[in-house]
PDB file of N, CA and C in Angstrom:
ATOM      1  N   UNK A   1       0.709  -0.744   0.456  1.00  0.00           N
ATOM      2  CA  UNK A   1       0.166   0.076   0.051  1.00  0.00           C
ATOM      3  C   UNK A   1       0.888   0.805  -0.020  1.00  0.00           C
ATOM      4  N   UNK A   2       0.354   2.146  -1.189  1.00  0.00           N
ATOM      5  CA  UNK A   2       1.104   3.660  -0.578  1.00  0.00           C
ATOM      6  C   UNK A   2       1.081   4.029   0.175  1.00  0.00           C
ATOM      7  N   UNK A   3       1.546   4.671   1.072  1.00  0.00           N
ATOM      8  CA  UNK A   3       1.658   5.871   2.213  1.00  0.00           C
ATOM      9  C   UNK A   3       1.358   7.455   2.073  1.00  0.00           C
ATOM     10  N   UNK A   4       1.732   7.842   0.400  1.00  0.00           N
ATOM     11  CA  UNK A   4       1.828   8.723  -0.349  1.00  0.00           C
ATOM     12  C   UNK A   4       1.096  10.188   0.359  1.00  0.00           C
ATOM     13  N   UNK A   5       0.195   9.502   0.483  1.00  0.00           N
ATOM     14  CA  UNK A   5      -1.184  10.246   0.878  1.00  0.00           C
ATOM     15  C   UNK A   5      -2.225   9.870   2.131  1.00  0.00           C
ATOM     16  N   UNK A   6      -1.853  10.039   3.350  1.00  0.00           N
ATOM     17  CA  UNK A   6      -2.781   9.584   4.347  1.00  0.00           C
ATOM     18  C   UNK A   6      -4.029   8.978   4.335  1.00  0.00           C
ATOM     19  N   UNK A   7      -4.583   8.014   4.931  1.00  0.00           N
ATOM     20  CA  UNK A   7      -6.227   7.952   5.077  1.00  0.00           C
ATOM     21  C   UNK A   7      -6.758   8.439   5.663  1.00  0.00           C
ATOM     22  N   UNK A   8      -8.337   9.720   5.769  1.00  0.00           N
ATOM     23  CA  UNK A   8      -7.878  10.829   6.613  1.00  0.00           C
ATOM     24  C   UNK A   8      -9.534  10.319   7.292  1.00  0.00           C
ATOM     25  N   UNK A   9     -10.413   9.602   7.056  1.00  0.00           N
ATOM     26  CA  UNK A   9     -11.906   9.135   7.317  1.00  0.00           C
ATOM     27  C   UNK A   9     -12.156   8.107   8.183  1.00  0.00           C
ATOM     28  N   UNK A  10     -10.445   7.612   9.223  1.00  0.00           N
ATOM     29  CA  UNK A  10     -10.241   6.488   9.002  1.00  0.00           C
ATOM     30  C   UNK A  10     -10.175   4.704   8.594  1.00  0.00           C
ATOM     31  N   UNK A  11     -10.108   3.895   9.368  1.00  0.00           N
ATOM     32  CA  UNK A  11      -9.116   3.201   8.683  1.00  0.00           C
ATOM     33  C   UNK A  11     -10.028   1.770   7.558  1.00  0.00           C
ATOM     34  N   UNK A  12      -9.689   2.655   5.957  1.00  0.00           N
ATOM     35  CA  UNK A  12     -10.099   2.524   4.939  1.00  0.00           C
ATOM     36  C   UNK A  12      -9.062   2.139   4.122  1.00  0.00           C
ATOM     37  N   UNK A  13      -9.391   1.386   2.886  1.00  0.00           N
ATOM     38  CA  UNK A  13      -7.956   0.983   1.981  1.00  0.00           C
ATOM     39  C   UNK A  13      -8.083   2.846   1.346  1.00  0.00           C
ATOM     40  N   UNK A  14      -7.210   2.298   0.080  1.00  0.00           N
ATOM     41  CA  UNK A  14      -7.132   3.616  -0.725  1.00  0.00           C
ATOM     42  C   UNK A  14      -8.171   3.554  -1.369  1.00  0.00           C
ATOM     43  N   UNK A  15      -8.471   2.177  -1.752  1.00  0.00           N
ATOM     44  CA  UNK A  15      -9.815   2.004  -3.149  1.00  0.00           C
ATOM     45  C   UNK A  15     -10.589   1.502  -2.354  1.00  0.00           C
ATOM     46  N   UNK A  16     -11.205   2.751  -1.102  1.00  0.00           N
ATOM     47  CA  UNK A  16     -12.786   2.779  -0.834  1.00  0.00           C
ATOM     48  C   UNK A  16     -13.082   1.690  -0.305  1.00  0.00           C
ATOM     49  N   UNK A  17     -12.351   0.572  -0.077  1.00  0.00           N
ATOM     50  CA  UNK A  17     -13.308  -0.442   1.162  1.00  0.00           C
ATOM     51  C   UNK A  17     -13.123  -0.581   2.346  1.00  0.00           C
ATOM     52  N   UNK A  18     -14.046  -0.592   2.889  1.00  0.00           N
ATOM     53  CA  UNK A  18     -13.081  -0.923   4.799  1.00  0.00           C
ATOM     54  C   UNK A  18     -12.881  -2.231   5.288  1.00  0.00           C
ATOM     55  N   UNK A  19     -12.288  -1.127   6.013  1.00  0.00           N
ATOM     56  CA  UNK A  19     -11.392  -2.522   6.838  1.00  0.00           C
ATOM     57  C   UNK A  19     -12.114  -2.631   7.925  1.00  0.00           C
ATOM     58  N   UNK A  20     -11.953  -4.567   8.341  1.00  0.00           N
ATOM     59  CA  UNK A  20     -12.037  -4.643   9.886  1.00  0.00           C
ATOM     60  C   UNK A  20     -14.069  -4.813   9.653  1.00  0.00           C
ATOM     61  N   UNK A  21     -14.764  -5.334   8.475  1.00  0.00           N
ATOM     62  CA  UNK A  21     -16.169  -5.315   8.625  1.00  0.00           C
ATOM     63  C   UNK A  21     -16.626  -4.530   8.459  1.00  0.00           C
ATOM     64  N   UNK A  22     -16.124  -3.145   7.894  1.00  0.00           N
ATOM     65  CA  UNK A  22     -17.187  -1.934   8.098  1.00  0.00           C
ATOM     66  C   UNK A  22     -16.447  -1.215   8.310  1.00  0.00           C
ATOM     67  N   UNK A  23     -15.808  -1.302   9.857  1.00  0.00           N
ATOM     68  CA  UNK A  23     -15.233  -0.103  10.798  1.00  0.00           C
ATOM     69  C   UNK A  23     -14.708   0.270  10.012  1.00  0.00           C
ATOM     70  N   UNK A  24     -15.258   1.867  10.062  1.00  0.00           N
ATOM     71  CA  UNK A  24     -15.030   3.166   9.609  1.00  0.00           C
ATOM     72  C   UNK A  24     -14.577   4.209   9.913  1.00  0.00           C
ATOM     73  N   UNK A  25     -14.900   3.715  11.703  1.00  0.00           N
ATOM     74  CA  UNK A  25     -14.330   5.193  13.187  1.00  0.00           C
ATOM     75  C   UNK A  25     -13.359   4.441  13.539  1.00  0.00           C
ATOM     76  N   UNK A  26     -12.162   5.019  13.468  1.00  0.00           N
ATOM     77  CA  UNK A  26     -11.590   5.065  14.166  1.00  0.00           C
ATOM     78  C   UNK A  26     -11.102   4.761  15.609  1.00  0.00           C
ATOM     79  N   UNK A  27     -12.303   5.236  16.218  1.00  0.00           N
ATOM     80  CA  UNK A  27     -12.361   5.053  17.834  1.00  0.00           C
ATOM     81  C   UNK A  27     -12.579   3.885  18.375  1.00  0.00           C
ATOM     82  N   UNK A  28     -13.431   3.362  17.428  1.00  0.00           N
ATOM     83  CA  UNK A  28     -13.956   1.697  17.247  1.00  0.00           C
ATOM     84  C   UNK A  28     -12.965   0.596  17.394  1.00  0.00           C
ATOM     85  N   UNK A  29     -11.721   1.290  16.916  1.00  0.00           N
ATOM     86  CA  UNK A  29     -10.808   0.442  17.414  1.00  0.00           C
ATOM     87  C   UNK A  29     -10.076   0.430  18.946  1.00  0.00           C
ATOM     88  N   UNK A  30      -9.460  -0.421  19.237  1.00  0.00           N
ATOM     89  CA  UNK A  30      -8.514  -0.572  20.460  1.00  0.00           C
ATOM     90  C   UNK A  30      -6.851   0.131  20.068  1.00  0.00           C
ATOM     91  N   UNK A  31      -6.678   0.674  20.180  1.00  0.00           N
ATOM     92  CA  UNK A  31      -5.817   1.358  20.380  1.00  0.00           C
ATOM     93  C   UNK A  31      -4.486   1.311  20.795  1.00  0.00           C
ATOM     94  N   UNK A  32      -3.330   0.955  20.867  1.00  0.00           N
ATOM     95  CA  UNK A  32      -2.500   0.870  21.675  1.00  0.00           C
ATOM     96  C   UNK A  32      -0.679   1.652  21.511  1.00  0.00           C
ATOM     97  N   UNK A  33      -0.153   1.755  22.654  1.00  0.00           N
ATOM     98  CA  UNK A  33       1.071   2.287  22.200  1.00  0.00           C
ATOM     99  C   UNK A  33       2.110   2.317  23.197  1.00  0.00           C
ATOM    100  N   UNK A  34       3.361   2.595  22.398  1.00  0.00           N
ATOM    101  CA  UNK A  34       4.307   0.958  23.490  1.00  0.00           C
ATOM    102  C   UNK A  34       4.744   2.064  24.556  1.00  0.00           C
ATOM    103  N   UNK A  35       5.222   1.470  25.237  1.00  0.00           N
ATOM    104  CA  UNK A  35       5.985   1.805  26.352  1.00  0.00           C
ATOM    105  C   UNK A  35       6.942   2.713  26.532  1.00  0.00           C
ATOM    106  N   UNK A  36       7.951   2.824  25.492  1.00  0.00           N
ATOM    107  CA  UNK A  36       8.714   3.426  24.832  1.00  0.00           C
ATOM    108  C   UNK A  36       8.514   5.124  25.228  1.00  0.00           C
ATOM    109  N   UNK A  37       7.252   5.255  24.805  1.00  0.00           N
ATOM    110  CA  UNK A  37       7.099   6.939  24.874  1.00  0.00           C
ATOM    111  C   UNK A  37       7.620   7.795  25.909  1.00  0.00           C
ATOM    112  N   UNK A  38       7.188   6.648  27.122  1.00  0.00           N
ATOM    113  CA  UNK A  38       7.397   7.932  28.366  1.00  0.00           C
ATOM    114  C   UNK A  38       6.009   8.831  28.628  1.00  0.00           C
ATOM    115  N   UNK A  39       6.109   9.679  29.642  1.00  0.00           N
ATOM    116  CA  UNK A  39       5.086  10.077  30.762  1.00  0.00           C
ATOM    117  C   UNK A  39       4.277  11.001  29.475  1.00  0.00           C
ATOM    118  N   UNK A  40       5.779  12.155  28.464  1.00  0.00           N
ATOM    119  CA  UNK A  40       5.034  12.337  27.719  1.00  0.00           C
ATOM    120  C   UNK A  40       4.035  12.834  26.260  1.00  0.00           C
ATOM    121  N   UNK A  41       4.512  11.421  26.202  1.00  0.00           N
ATOM    122  CA  UNK A  41       4.310  10.733  24.574  1.00  0.00           C
ATOM    123  C   UNK A  41       3.910  11.802  23.809  1.00  0.00           C
ATOM    124  N   UNK A  42       5.384  12.665  23.128  1.00  0.00           N
ATOM    125  CA  UNK A  42       4.871  13.515  22.369  1.00  0.00           C
ATOM    126  C   UNK A  42       5.473  13.477  20.833  1.00  0.00           C
ATOM    127  N   UNK A  43       5.874  11.962  20.685  1.00  0.00           N
ATOM    128  CA  UNK A  43       6.604  11.743  19.035  1.00  0.00           C
ATOM    129  C   UNK A  43       6.386  10.275  19.296  1.00  0.00           C
ATOM    130  N   UNK A  44       5.086   9.571  19.631  1.00  0.00           N
ATOM    131  CA  UNK A  44       5.222   8.262  19.087  1.00  0.00           C
ATOM    132  C   UNK A  44       3.701   8.309  18.463  1.00  0.00           C
ATOM    133  N   UNK A  45       3.354   7.275  18.075  1.00  0.00           N
ATOM    134  CA  UNK A  45       1.980   6.350  17.687  1.00  0.00           C
ATOM    135  C   UNK A  45       1.313   5.620  18.025  1.00  0.00           C
ATOM    136  N   UNK A  46       0.303   5.404  17.740  1.00  0.00           N
ATOM    137  CA  UNK A  46      -0.532   4.223  18.381  1.00  0.00           C
ATOM    138  C   UNK A  46      -0.764   3.272  17.789  1.00  0.00           C
ATOM    139  N   UNK A  47      -1.350   2.479  17.716  1.00  0.00           N
ATOM    140  CA  UNK A  47      -0.864   1.025  16.392  1.00  0.00           C
ATOM    141  C   UNK A  47      -2.423   0.282  16.739  1.00  0.00           C
ATOM    142  N   UNK A  48      -3.327  -0.152  15.958  1.00  0.00           N
ATOM    143  CA  UNK A  48      -4.573  -0.985  16.333  1.00  0.00           C
ATOM    144  C   UNK A  48      -4.447  -2.070  15.827  1.00  0.00           C
ATOM    145  N   UNK A  49      -4.716  -3.208  15.670  1.00  0.00           N
ATOM    146  CA  UNK A  49      -5.312  -4.709  15.039  1.00  0.00           C
ATOM    147  C   UNK A  49      -6.192  -5.235  15.230  1.00  0.00           C
ATOM    148  N   UNK A  50      -6.238  -5.192  13.736  1.00  0.00           N
ATOM    149  CA  UNK A  50      -7.429  -6.218  13.211  1.00  0.00           C
ATOM    150  C   UNK A  50      -6.999  -7.488  12.684  1.00  0.00           C
ATOM    151  N   UNK A  51      -7.947  -8.064  11.998  1.00  0.00           N
ATOM    152  CA  UNK A  51      -8.053  -9.278  12.155  1.00  0.00           C
ATOM    153  C   UNK A  51      -7.242  -9.408  10.174  1.00  0.00           C
ATOM    154  N   UNK A  52      -7.560  -8.561   9.894  1.00  0.00           N
ATOM    155  CA  UNK A  52      -6.416  -8.226   8.301  1.00  0.00           C
ATOM    156  C   UNK A  52      -5.813  -7.094   8.334  1.00  0.00           C
ATOM    157  N   UNK A  53      -6.220  -6.368   9.379  1.00  0.00           N
ATOM    158  CA  UNK A  53      -5.056  -4.977   9.509  1.00  0.00           C
ATOM    159  C   UNK A  53      -4.715  -4.058  10.649  1.00  0.00           C
ATOM    160  N   UNK A  54      -3.833  -3.639  10.319  1.00  0.00           N
ATOM    161  CA  UNK A  54      -3.351  -3.263  10.615  1.00  0.00           C
ATOM    162  C   UNK A  54      -3.239  -1.389  10.925  1.00  0.00           C
ATOM    163  N   UNK A  55      -3.489  -0.418  12.009  1.00  0.00           N
ATOM    164  CA  UNK A  55      -3.807   0.774  11.238  1.00  0.00           C
ATOM    165  C   UNK A  55      -2.923   1.643  12.277  1.00  0.00           C
ATOM    166  N   UNK A  56      -2.633   2.479  12.167  1.00  0.00           N
ATOM    167  CA  UNK A  56      -1.524   2.946  12.535  1.00  0.00           C
ATOM    168  C   UNK A  56      -1.791   4.664  13.083  1.00  0.00           C
ATOM    169  N   UNK A  57      -1.383   5.463  14.359  1.00  0.00           N
ATOM    170  CA  UNK A  57      -2.015   7.150  13.894  1.00  0.00           C
ATOM    171  C   UNK A  57      -1.332   7.706  14.475  1.00  0.00           C
ATOM    172  N   UNK A  58      -0.717   8.611  14.556  1.00  0.00           N
ATOM    173  CA  UNK A  58      -0.410  10.214  15.509  1.00  0.00           C
ATOM    174  C   UNK A  58      -0.744  10.067  16.824  1.00  0.00           C
ATOM    175  N   UNK A  59      -0.086  10.010  17.963  1.00  0.00           N
ATOM    176  CA  UNK A  59      -0.902   9.691  19.178  1.00  0.00           C
ATOM    177  C   UNK A  59      -1.145  11.615  19.225  1.00  0.00           C
ATOM    178  N   UNK A  60      -0.937  12.219  18.707  1.00  0.00           N
ATOM    179  CA  UNK A  60      -0.770  13.371  19.317  1.00  0.00           C
ATOM    180  C   UNK A  60      -1.910  13.657  18.056  1.00  0.00           C
ATOM    181  N   UNK A  61      -2.636  13.784  17.683  1.00  0.00           N
ATOM    182  CA  UNK A  61      -3.947  13.452  16.465  1.00  0.00           C
ATOM    183  C   UNK A  61      -4.660  12.208  16.687  1.00  0.00           C
ATOM    184  N   UNK A  62      -5.338  11.978  17.759  1.00  0.00           N
ATOM    185  CA  UNK A  62      -6.057  10.118  17.644  1.00  0.00           C
ATOM    186  C   UNK A  62      -7.302  10.452  16.756  1.00  0.00           C
ATOM    187  N   UNK A  63      -7.576  11.814  16.188  1.00  0.00           N
ATOM    188  CA  UNK A  63      -8.899  12.062  15.408  1.00  0.00           C
ATOM    189  C   UNK A  63      -8.910  12.368  13.867  1.00  0.00           C
ATOM    190  N   UNK A  64      -7.272  12.578  13.489  1.00  0.00           N
ATOM    191  CA  UNK A  64      -6.315  12.595  12.162  1.00  0.00           C
ATOM    192  C   UNK A  64      -6.253  11.400  11.366  1.00  0.00           C
ATOM    193  N   UNK A  65      -5.957  11.931  10.749  1.00  0.00           N
ATOM    194  CA  UNK A  65      -5.247  10.949   8.661  1.00  0.00           C
ATOM    195  C   UNK A  65      -5.226   9.264   9.907  1.00  0.00           C
ATOM    196  N   UNK A  66      -5.346   8.483   9.844  1.00  0.00           N
ATOM    197  CA  UNK A  66      -5.371   7.089  10.002  1.00  0.00           C
ATOM    198  C   UNK A  66      -4.673   6.471   8.683  1.00  0.00           C
ATOM    199  N   UNK A  67      -3.673   5.236   8.647  1.00  0.00           N
ATOM    200  CA  UNK A  67      -2.815   4.570   7.965  1.00  0.00           C
ATOM    201  C   UNK A  67      -3.133   3.488   8.166  1.00  0.00           C
ATOM    202  N   UNK A  68      -3.535   2.528   7.050  1.00  0.00           N
ATOM    203  CA  UNK A  68      -4.095   0.603   7.333  1.00  0.00           C
ATOM    204  C   UNK A  68      -2.745   0.662   6.388  1.00  0.00           C
ATOM    205  N   UNK A  69      -2.527  -0.782   7.317  1.00  0.00           N
ATOM    206  CA  UNK A  69      -1.654  -1.658   6.100  1.00  0.00           C
ATOM    207  C   UNK A  69      -2.046  -3.306   6.236  1.00  0.00           C
ATOM    208  N   UNK A  70      -1.700  -4.118   5.539  1.00  0.00           N
ATOM    209  CA  UNK A  70      -2.335  -5.063   5.516  1.00  0.00           C
ATOM    210  C   UNK A  70      -1.324  -6.176   6.941  1.00  0.00           C
ATOM    211  N   UNK A  71      -1.636  -7.055   7.088  1.00  0.00           N
ATOM    212  CA  UNK A  71      -1.211  -7.545   7.909  1.00  0.00           C
ATOM    213  C   UNK A  71       0.492  -7.958   7.370  1.00  0.00           C
ATOM    214  N   UNK A  72       0.474  -8.243   5.966  1.00  0.00           N
ATOM    215  CA  UNK A  72       1.277  -8.864   5.278  1.00  0.00           C
ATOM    216  C   UNK A  72       2.353  -7.777   4.992  1.00  0.00           C
ATOM    217  N   UNK A  73       1.542  -6.718   5.910  1.00  0.00           N
ATOM    218  CA  UNK A  73       2.372  -5.437   5.349  1.00  0.00           C
ATOM    219  C   UNK A  73       3.351  -5.024   6.361  1.00  0.00           C
ATOM    220  N   UNK A  74       2.486  -5.258   7.396  1.00  0.00           N
ATOM    221  CA  UNK A  74       3.138  -5.063   9.011  1.00  0.00           C
ATOM    222  C   UNK A  74       3.387  -6.052   8.670  1.00  0.00           C
ATOM    223  N   UNK A  75       4.075  -7.123   8.818  1.00  0.00           N
ATOM    224  CA  UNK A  75       4.663  -8.215   9.396  1.00  0.00           C
ATOM    225  C   UNK A  75       5.998  -8.150   8.271  1.00  0.00           C
ATOM    226  N   UNK A  76       6.476  -7.394   7.178  1.00  0.00           N
ATOM    227  CA  UNK A  76       7.521  -7.676   6.114  1.00  0.00           C
ATOM    228  C   UNK A  76       8.787  -5.738   7.373  1.00  0.00           C
ATOM    229  N   UNK A  77       7.587  -4.923   7.056  1.00  0.00           N
ATOM    230  CA  UNK A  77       7.959  -3.551   8.095  1.00  0.00           C
ATOM    231  C   UNK A  77       8.949  -4.758   9.746  1.00  0.00           C
ATOM    232  N   UNK A  78       7.937  -5.516  10.053  1.00  0.00           N
ATOM    233  CA  UNK A  78       8.257  -5.643  11.168  1.00  0.00           C
ATOM    234  C   UNK A  78       9.583  -6.683  11.623  1.00  0.00           C
ATOM    235  N   UNK A  79       9.902  -7.075  10.155  1.00  0.00           N
ATOM    236  CA  UNK A  79      11.041  -7.828   9.745  1.00  0.00           C
ATOM    237  C   UNK A  79      11.927  -6.733   9.979  1.00  0.00           C
ATOM    238  N   UNK A  80      11.588  -6.157   9.150  1.00  0.00           N
ATOM    239  CA  UNK A  80      12.861  -5.687   8.486  1.00  0.00           C
ATOM    240  C   UNK A  80      13.590  -4.049   9.979  1.00  0.00           C
ATOM    241  N   UNK A  81      12.712  -4.239  10.849  1.00  0.00           N
ATOM    242  CA  UNK A  81      13.055  -3.164  11.699  1.00  0.00           C
ATOM    243  C   UNK A  81      13.591  -4.548  12.833  1.00  0.00           C
ATOM    244  N   UNK A  82      13.174  -5.378  12.721  1.00  0.00           N
ATOM    245  CA  UNK A  82      14.518  -6.653  13.884  1.00  0.00           C
ATOM    246  C   UNK A  82      15.767  -7.096  12.526  1.00  0.00           C
ATOM    247  N   UNK A  83      15.257  -6.384  11.785  1.00  0.00           N
ATOM    248  CA  UNK A  83      16.944  -6.473  10.760  1.00  0.00           C
ATOM    249  C   UNK A  83      17.821  -5.299  10.926  1.00  0.00           C
ATOM    250  N   UNK A  84      17.380  -4.259  11.742  1.00  0.00           N
ATOM    251  CA  UNK A  84      17.498  -2.827  11.212  1.00  0.00           C
ATOM    252  C   UNK A  84      18.108  -2.195  10.226  1.00  0.00           C
ATOM    253  N   UNK A  85      17.008  -2.632   9.276  1.00  0.00           N
ATOM    254  CA  UNK A  85      17.181  -2.048   8.050  1.00  0.00           C
ATOM    255  C   UNK A  85      16.109  -0.664   8.265  1.00  0.00           C
ATOM    256  N   UNK A  86      16.035  -0.567   9.369  1.00  0.00           N
ATOM    257  CA  UNK A  86      15.563   0.851   9.919  1.00  0.00           C
ATOM    258  C   UNK A  86      15.895   1.727  10.739  1.00  0.00           C
ATOM    259  N   UNK A  87      17.806   1.611  10.842  1.00  0.00           N
ATOM    260  CA  UNK A  87      18.378   2.333  11.536  1.00  0.00           C
ATOM    261  C   UNK A  87      18.855   3.580  11.501  1.00  0.00           C
ATOM    262  N   UNK A  88      18.568   4.707  12.228  1.00  0.00           N
ATOM    263  CA  UNK A  88      19.261   5.818  11.246  1.00  0.00           C
ATOM    264  C   UNK A  88      20.750   5.850  10.665  1.00  0.00           C
ATOM    265  N   UNK A  89      20.790   6.663  10.403  1.00  0.00           N
ATOM    266  CA  UNK A  89      21.969   6.711   9.659  1.00  0.00           C
ATOM    267  C   UNK A  89      23.307   7.198  10.664  1.00  0.00           C
ATOM    268  N   UNK A  90      23.833   6.576  10.344  1.00  0.00           N
ATOM    269  CA  UNK A  90      25.177   7.673  10.841  1.00  0.00           C
ATOM    270  C   UNK A  90      25.839   8.552  10.465  1.00  0.00           C
ATOM    271  N   UNK A  91      25.796   9.653  10.795  1.00  0.00           N
ATOM    272  CA  UNK A  91      26.732  10.492  10.065  1.00  0.00           C
ATOM    273  C   UNK A  91      27.815  12.196  10.819  1.00  0.00           C
ATOM    274  N   UNK A  92      28.860  11.764  10.707  1.00  0.00           N
ATOM    275  CA  UNK A  92      29.756  12.045  11.132  1.00  0.00           C
ATOM    276  C   UNK A  92      28.979  13.685  11.778  1.00  0.00           C
ATOM    277  N   UNK A  93      30.095  13.960  12.720  1.00  0.00           N
ATOM    278  CA  UNK A  93      29.705  15.377  13.121  1.00  0.00           C
ATOM    279  C   UNK A  93      30.151  16.718  11.963  1.00  0.00           C
ATOM    280  N   UNK A  94      30.162  17.378  10.956  1.00  0.00           N
ATOM    281  CA  UNK A  94      30.029  18.127  10.553  1.00  0.00           C
ATOM    282  C   UNK A  94      30.494  19.433  10.978  1.00  0.00           C
ATOM    283  N   UNK A  95      31.933  19.296  11.330  1.00  0.00           N
ATOM    284  CA  UNK A  95      32.683  20.967  11.907  1.00  0.00           C
ATOM    285  C   UNK A  95      32.747  22.020  10.954  1.00  0.00           C
ATOM    286  N   UNK A  96      32.583  23.526  11.172  1.00  0.00           N
ATOM    287  CA  UNK A  96      32.765  24.648   9.920  1.00  0.00           C
ATOM    288  C   UNK A  96      33.804  24.787  10.134  1.00  0.00           C
ATOM    289  N   UNK A  97      35.140  24.814   8.575  1.00  0.00           N
ATOM    290  CA  UNK A  97      35.797  24.806   7.993  1.00  0.00           C
ATOM    291  C   UNK A  97      35.785  26.390   8.645  1.00  0.00           C
ATOM    292  N   UNK A  98      37.443  26.694   9.121  1.00  0.00           N
ATOM    293  CA  UNK A  98      37.800  28.070   9.673  1.00  0.00           C
ATOM    294  C   UNK A  98      38.456  28.771   8.377  1.00  0.00           C
TER     295      UNK A  98
END
């Protein structure tokens, strides 16, 4: 699924098909947040799992856009995370030249 344009009306597919057997209201999903976010939860995402889809949203904007992924897409993403494919690049400190 392309993530170029966020899905704004709840967990629906880009092709207009509804996920979760018709549940388009993202408030009805059981959202979870990682415990690593800490008490402020300023930079977190919420995730909700369904039988055939995984929904992701910005924790600061729970009524905002929702990205929806198939379980296969989510499994592929998690595999990449576990394999270190999404590590931040190591950049050397760039010092100004005098």
